[in-house]
């Protein structure tokens, strides 16, 4: 999975759907337990997400919103489907637990991502430059070395030190997250 550029604050629904398609597919598949039905249902959910794009508030949890829509569509699918299982594969309580845990993981991921953004901003200009070139622009170490007029070993060392610093910074921020970090 490629990291999202740090300065992007208002992603489009298309991009959010693409980013979360596999997670959404897994969620839908857990509801219908049939690949063909899951693919059809996912397409329906994506159309609904697109139709309701004006209702999504940028900055809120897209995946939670999309899962809620998917859950309702799965319930509609079960009602319409003559060959539906007599017992839903997941009862409502279990579905709620899965939803809550996935939201917790999403919040944790958001905290981690925010910490990473803040830590990247604190890097020296040279370290930030090699991190962005390597991870966001997907440039190889030799290409970065050529661009910066350095040897490949020097770029590797810069990346190693930047990653080490980022790891320590992110761990520190996620262990002691404050309101100002949000």
C-alpha atoms as a PDB file:
ATOM      1  CA  UNK A   1       0.000   0.000   0.000  1.00  0.00           C
ATOM      2  CA  UNK A   2       1.403   3.370  -0.988  1.00  0.00           C
ATOM      3  CA  UNK A   3       1.422   6.153   1.576  1.00  0.00           C
ATOM      4  CA  UNK A   4      -0.925   9.065   0.975  1.00  0.00           C
ATOM      5  CA  UNK A   5       0.788  12.380   0.318  1.00  0.00           C
ATOM      6  CA  UNK A   6       1.019  14.375   3.534  1.00  0.00           C
ATOM      7  CA  UNK A   7      -0.539  17.548   2.152  1.00  0.00           C
ATOM      8  CA  UNK A   8      -3.762  15.930   0.875  1.00  0.00           C
ATOM      9  CA  UNK A   9      -6.680  17.009   3.056  1.00  0.00           C
ATOM     10  CA  UNK A  10      -9.768  16.561   0.877  1.00  0.00           C
ATOM     11  CA  UNK A  11      -9.613  13.293  -1.039  1.00  0.00           C
ATOM     12  CA  UNK A  12     -12.335  12.577  -3.558  1.00  0.00           C
ATOM     13  CA  UNK A  13     -14.890   9.814  -3.038  1.00  0.00           C
ATOM     14  CA  UNK A  14     -13.381   7.967  -6.018  1.00  0.00           C
ATOM     15  CA  UNK A  15      -9.981   7.932  -4.353  1.00  0.00           C
ATOM     16  CA  UNK A  16     -11.415   6.929  -0.977  1.00  0.00           C
ATOM     17  CA  UNK A  17     -13.334   4.066  -2.572  1.00  0.00           C
ATOM     18  CA  UNK A  18     -10.171   2.909  -4.374  1.00  0.00           C
ATOM     19  CA  UNK A  19      -8.106   3.155  -1.171  1.00  0.00           C
ATOM     20  CA  UNK A  20     -10.581   1.152   0.883  1.00  0.00           C
ATOM     21  CA  UNK A  21     -11.945  -1.229  -1.778  1.00  0.00           C
ATOM     22  CA  UNK A  22     -10.185  -4.337  -0.452  1.00  0.00           C
ATOM     23  CA  UNK A  23     -11.223  -3.650   3.146  1.00  0.00           C
ATOM     24  CA  UNK A  24     -14.773  -2.964   2.032  1.00  0.00           C
ATOM     25  CA  UNK A  25     -14.803  -6.120  -0.101  1.00  0.00           C
ATOM     26  CA  UNK A  26     -13.634  -8.191   2.879  1.00  0.00           C
ATOM     27  CA  UNK A  27     -16.370  -6.686   5.010  1.00  0.00           C
ATOM     28  CA  UNK A  28     -19.046  -7.354   2.376  1.00  0.00           C
ATOM     29  CA  UNK A  29     -17.747 -10.885   1.835  1.00  0.00           C
ATOM     30  CA  UNK A  30     -18.024 -11.562   5.575  1.00  0.00           C
ATOM     31  CA  UNK A  31     -21.687 -10.569   5.347  1.00  0.00           C
ATOM     32  CA  UNK A  32     -22.728 -12.645   2.329  1.00  0.00           C
ATOM     33  CA  UNK A  33     -20.050 -15.399   2.255  1.00  0.00           C
ATOM     34  CA  UNK A  34     -20.242 -15.783  -1.509  1.00  0.00           C
ATOM     35  CA  UNK A  35     -17.652 -14.247  -3.831  1.00  0.00           C
ATOM     36  CA  UNK A  36     -20.096 -13.560  -6.633  1.00  0.00           C
ATOM     37  CA  UNK A  37     -22.672 -11.955  -4.316  1.00  0.00           C
ATOM     38  CA  UNK A  38     -19.919  -9.989  -2.566  1.00  0.00           C
ATOM     39  CA  UNK A  39     -18.644  -8.587  -5.870  1.00  0.00           C
ATOM     40  CA  UNK A  40     -22.175  -7.618  -6.935  1.00  0.00           C
ATOM     41  CA  UNK A  41     -22.927  -6.111  -3.556  1.00  0.00           C
ATOM     42  CA  UNK A  42     -19.642  -4.197  -3.528  1.00  0.00           C
ATOM     43  CA  UNK A  43     -20.517  -2.668  -6.897  1.00  0.00           C
ATOM     44  CA  UNK A  44     -23.909  -1.647  -5.535  1.00  0.00           C
ATOM     45  CA  UNK A  45     -22.304  -0.159  -2.423  1.00  0.00           C
ATOM     46  CA  UNK A  46     -19.820   1.809  -4.546  1.00  0.00           C
ATOM     47  CA  UNK A  47     -22.687   3.234  -6.606  1.00  0.00           C
ATOM     48  CA  UNK A  48     -24.513   4.249  -3.443  1.00  0.00           C
ATOM     49  CA  UNK A  49     -21.346   5.812  -2.020  1.00  0.00           C
ATOM     50  CA  UNK A  50     -21.001   7.797  -5.219  1.00  0.00           C
ATOM     51  CA  UNK A  51     -24.669   8.857  -5.164  1.00  0.00           C
ATOM     52  CA  UNK A  52     -24.375   9.916  -1.517  1.00  0.00           C
ATOM     53  CA  UNK A  53     -20.961  11.573  -1.864  1.00  0.00           C
ATOM     54  CA  UNK A  54     -22.425  14.934  -0.852  1.00  0.00           C
ATOM     55  CA  UNK A  55     -23.421  13.424   2.500  1.00  0.00           C
ATOM     56  CA  UNK A  56     -19.857  12.401   3.353  1.00  0.00           C
ATOM     57  CA  UNK A  57     -18.016  14.910   5.505  1.00  0.00           C
ATOM     58  CA  UNK A  58     -14.320  15.176   4.585  1.00  0.00           C
ATOM     59  CA  UNK A  59     -12.137  14.361   7.548  1.00  0.00           C
ATOM     60  CA  UNK A  60     -14.616  11.901   9.026  1.00  0.00           C
ATOM     61  CA  UNK A  61     -14.132   8.130   8.959  1.00  0.00           C
ATOM     62  CA  UNK A  62     -14.882   7.101   5.375  1.00  0.00           C
ATOM     63  CA  UNK A  63     -14.572   3.376   6.025  1.00  0.00           C
ATOM     64  CA  UNK A  64     -17.064   3.476   8.914  1.00  0.00           C
ATOM     65  CA  UNK A  65     -19.512   5.371   6.710  1.00  0.00           C
ATOM     66  CA  UNK A  66     -19.013   2.942   3.824  1.00  0.00           C
ATOM     67  CA  UNK A  67     -19.397  -0.110   6.098  1.00  0.00           C
ATOM     68  CA  UNK A  68     -22.656   1.241   7.448  1.00  0.00           C
ATOM     69  CA  UNK A  69     -23.999   1.547   3.913  1.00  0.00           C
ATOM     70  CA  UNK A  70     -22.647  -1.915   3.065  1.00  0.00           C
ATOM     71  CA  UNK A  71     -24.328  -3.399   6.115  1.00  0.00           C
ATOM     72  CA  UNK A  72     -27.712  -1.995   5.091  1.00  0.00           C
ATOM     73  CA  UNK A  73     -27.220  -3.222   1.542  1.00  0.00           C
ATOM     74  CA  UNK A  74     -26.331  -6.702   2.828  1.00  0.00           C
ATOM     75  CA  UNK A  75     -29.501  -6.746   4.927  1.00  0.00           C
ATOM     76  CA  UNK A  76     -31.499  -5.744   1.842  1.00  0.00           C
ATOM     77  CA  UNK A  77     -29.723  -8.460  -0.131  1.00  0.00           C
ATOM     78  CA  UNK A  78     -30.668 -11.074   2.478  1.00  0.00           C
ATOM     79  CA  UNK A  79     -34.297  -9.964   2.374  1.00  0.00           C
ATOM     80  CA  UNK A  80     -34.448 -10.158  -1.423  1.00  0.00           C
ATOM     81  CA  UNK A  81     -32.406 -13.319  -1.816  1.00  0.00           C
ATOM     82  CA  UNK A  82     -34.529 -16.462  -1.908  1.00  0.00           C
ATOM     83  CA  UNK A  83     -31.514 -18.691  -1.341  1.00  0.00           C
ATOM     84  CA  UNK A  84     -30.260 -16.736   1.614  1.00  0.00           C
ATOM     85  CA  UNK A  85     -28.936 -18.695   4.550  1.00  0.00           C
ATOM     86  CA  UNK A  86     -31.595 -19.544   7.100  1.00  0.00           C
ATOM     87  CA  UNK A  87     -29.305 -18.136   9.753  1.00  0.00           C
ATOM     88  CA  UNK A  88     -27.251 -15.108   8.810  1.00  0.00           C
ATOM     89  CA  UNK A  89     -23.569 -15.922   8.917  1.00  0.00           C
ATOM     90  CA  UNK A  90     -23.057 -13.153  11.443  1.00  0.00           C
ATOM     91  CA  UNK A  91     -25.691 -12.170  13.942  1.00  0.00           C
ATOM     92  CA  UNK A  92     -26.381  -8.508  14.608  1.00  0.00           C
ATOM     93  CA  UNK A  93     -24.397  -8.473  17.876  1.00  0.00           C
ATOM     94  CA  UNK A  94     -21.318 -10.033  16.290  1.00  0.00           C
ATOM     95  CA  UNK A  95     -21.602  -7.630  13.378  1.00  0.00           C
ATOM     96  CA  UNK A  96     -21.669  -4.724  15.845  1.00  0.00           C
ATOM     97  CA  UNK A  97     -18.564  -6.047  17.646  1.00  0.00           C
ATOM     98  CA  UNK A  98     -16.706  -6.374  14.328  1.00  0.00           C
ATOM     99  CA  UNK A  99     -17.776  -2.857  13.381  1.00  0.00           C
ATOM    100  CA  UNK A 100     -16.599  -1.409  16.732  1.00  0.00           C
ATOM    101  CA  UNK A 101     -13.244  -3.172  16.572  1.00  0.00           C
ATOM    102  CA  UNK A 102     -12.643  -2.069  13.017  1.00  0.00           C
ATOM    103  CA  UNK A 103     -13.453   1.507  14.039  1.00  0.00           C
ATOM    104  CA  UNK A 104     -10.941   1.207  16.901  1.00  0.00           C
ATOM    105  CA  UNK A 105      -8.286   0.042  14.449  1.00  0.00           C
ATOM    106  CA  UNK A 106      -9.165   2.872  12.077  1.00  0.00           C
ATOM    107  CA  UNK A 107      -8.793   5.408  14.904  1.00  0.00           C
ATOM    108  CA  UNK A 108      -5.461   3.899  15.890  1.00  0.00           C
ATOM    109  CA  UNK A 109      -4.312   4.051  12.279  1.00  0.00           C
ATOM    110  CA  UNK A 110      -5.420   7.702  12.063  1.00  0.00           C
ATOM    111  CA  UNK A 111      -3.471   8.546  15.250  1.00  0.00           C
ATOM    112  CA  UNK A 112      -0.430   6.767  13.900  1.00  0.00           C
ATOM    113  CA  UNK A 113      -0.717   8.517  10.556  1.00  0.00           C
ATOM    114  CA  UNK A 114      -1.092  11.933  12.212  1.00  0.00           C
ATOM    115  CA  UNK A 115       1.968  11.237  14.359  1.00  0.00           C
ATOM    116  CA  UNK A 116       3.896  10.272  11.226  1.00  0.00           C
ATOM    117  CA  UNK A 117       2.845  13.503   9.497  1.00  0.00           C
ATOM    118  CA  UNK A 118       4.021  15.567  12.455  1.00  0.00           C
ATOM    119  CA  UNK A 119       7.281  13.635  12.699  1.00  0.00           C
ATOM    120  CA  UNK A 120       8.015  14.004   8.991  1.00  0.00           C
ATOM    121  CA  UNK A 121       7.479  17.743   9.349  1.00  0.00           C
ATOM    122  CA  UNK A 122      10.119  17.789  12.117  1.00  0.00           C
ATOM    123  CA  UNK A 123      12.800  16.053  10.044  1.00  0.00           C
ATOM    124  CA  UNK A 124      15.738  18.022   8.743  1.00  0.00           C
ATOM    125  CA  UNK A 125      15.254  19.235   5.199  1.00  0.00           C
ATOM    126  CA  UNK A 126      17.674  16.638   3.785  1.00  0.00           C
ATOM    127  CA  UNK A 127      16.046  13.726   5.642  1.00  0.00           C
ATOM    128  CA  UNK A 128      12.563  14.861   4.609  1.00  0.00           C
ATOM    129  CA  UNK A 129      13.760  15.224   1.031  1.00  0.00           C
ATOM    130  CA  UNK A 130      15.001  11.624   0.801  1.00  0.00           C
ATOM    131  CA  UNK A 131      11.942  10.217   2.617  1.00  0.00           C
ATOM    132  CA  UNK A 132       9.539  12.017   0.281  1.00  0.00           C
ATOM    133  CA  UNK A 133      11.532  11.084  -2.820  1.00  0.00           C
ATOM    134  CA  UNK A 134      11.762   7.425  -1.838  1.00  0.00           C
ATOM    135  CA  UNK A 135       8.311   6.777  -0.397  1.00  0.00           C
ATOM    136  CA  UNK A 136       5.994   9.353  -1.943  1.00  0.00           C
ATOM    137  CA  UNK A 137       7.631   9.752  -5.335  1.00  0.00           C
ATOM    138  CA  UNK A 138       8.762   6.097  -5.384  1.00  0.00           C
ATOM    139  CA  UNK A 139      12.254   6.943  -6.590  1.00  0.00           C
ATOM    140  CA  UNK A 140      14.990   4.377  -6.256  1.00  0.00           C
ATOM    141  CA  UNK A 141      18.038   5.031  -4.103  1.00  0.00           C
ATOM    142  CA  UNK A 142      20.324   5.388  -7.160  1.00  0.00           C
ATOM    143  CA  UNK A 143      17.873   7.866  -8.734  1.00  0.00           C
ATOM    144  CA  UNK A 144      17.728   9.917  -5.514  1.00  0.00           C
ATOM    145  CA  UNK A 145      21.531   9.847  -5.312  1.00  0.00           C
ATOM    146  CA  UNK A 146      21.768  11.091  -8.878  1.00  0.00           C
ATOM    147  CA  UNK A 147      19.235  13.872  -8.244  1.00  0.00           C
ATOM    148  CA  UNK A 148      20.930  15.045  -5.042  1.00  0.00           C
ATOM    149  CA  UNK A 149      24.479  14.590  -6.280  1.00  0.00           C
ATOM    150  CA  UNK A 150      25.274  12.010  -3.593  1.00  0.00           C
ATOM    151  CA  UNK A 151      26.517   8.446  -3.584  1.00  0.00           C
ATOM    152  CA  UNK A 152      23.927   5.681  -3.219  1.00  0.00           C
ATOM    153  CA  UNK A 153      25.482   4.648   0.113  1.00  0.00           C
ATOM    154  CA  UNK A 154      25.037   8.182   1.443  1.00  0.00           C
ATOM    155  CA  UNK A 155      21.349   8.138   0.446  1.00  0.00           C
ATOM    156  CA  UNK A 156      20.928   4.729   2.102  1.00  0.00           C
ATOM    157  CA  UNK A 157      22.440   6.122   5.294  1.00  0.00           C
ATOM    158  CA  UNK A 158      20.192   9.183   5.157  1.00  0.00           C
ATOM    159  CA  UNK A 159      17.140   6.949   4.701  1.00  0.00           C
ATOM    160  CA  UNK A 160      18.220   4.678   7.553  1.00  0.00           C
ATOM    161  CA  UNK A 161      18.716   7.613   9.924  1.00  0.00           C
ATOM    162  CA  UNK A 162      15.466   9.278   8.850  1.00  0.00           C
ATOM    163  CA  UNK A 163      13.490   6.041   9.331  1.00  0.00           C
ATOM    164  CA  UNK A 164      15.091   5.457  12.716  1.00  0.00           C
ATOM    165  CA  UNK A 165      14.209   8.972  13.781  1.00  0.00           C
ATOM    166  CA  UNK A 166      10.667   8.612  12.451  1.00  0.00           C
ATOM    167  CA  UNK A 167      10.178   5.317  14.258  1.00  0.00           C
ATOM    168  CA  UNK A 168      11.265   6.793  17.583  1.00  0.00           C
ATOM    169  CA  UNK A 169       9.229   9.955  17.048  1.00  0.00           C
ATOM    170  CA  UNK A 170       6.044   8.093  16.056  1.00  0.00           C
ATOM    171  CA  UNK A 171       6.371   5.704  18.992  1.00  0.00           C
ATOM    172  CA  UNK A 172       6.844   8.631  21.340  1.00  0.00           C
ATOM    173  CA  UNK A 173       3.867  10.526  19.910  1.00  0.00           C
ATOM    174  CA  UNK A 174       1.511   7.532  19.855  1.00  0.00           C
ATOM    175  CA  UNK A 175       2.352   6.573  23.418  1.00  0.00           C
ATOM    176  CA  UNK A 176       1.800  10.124  24.643  1.00  0.00           C
ATOM    177  CA  UNK A 177      -0.773  11.480  22.229  1.00  0.00           C
ATOM    178  CA  UNK A 178      -2.133  14.861  23.222  1.00  0.00           C
ATOM    179  CA  UNK A 179      -5.080  16.892  21.953  1.00  0.00           C
ATOM    180  CA  UNK A 180      -2.757  19.233  20.085  1.00  0.00           C
ATOM    181  CA  UNK A 181      -1.623  16.247  17.998  1.00  0.00           C
ATOM    182  CA  UNK A 182      -5.108  15.741  16.599  1.00  0.00           C
END
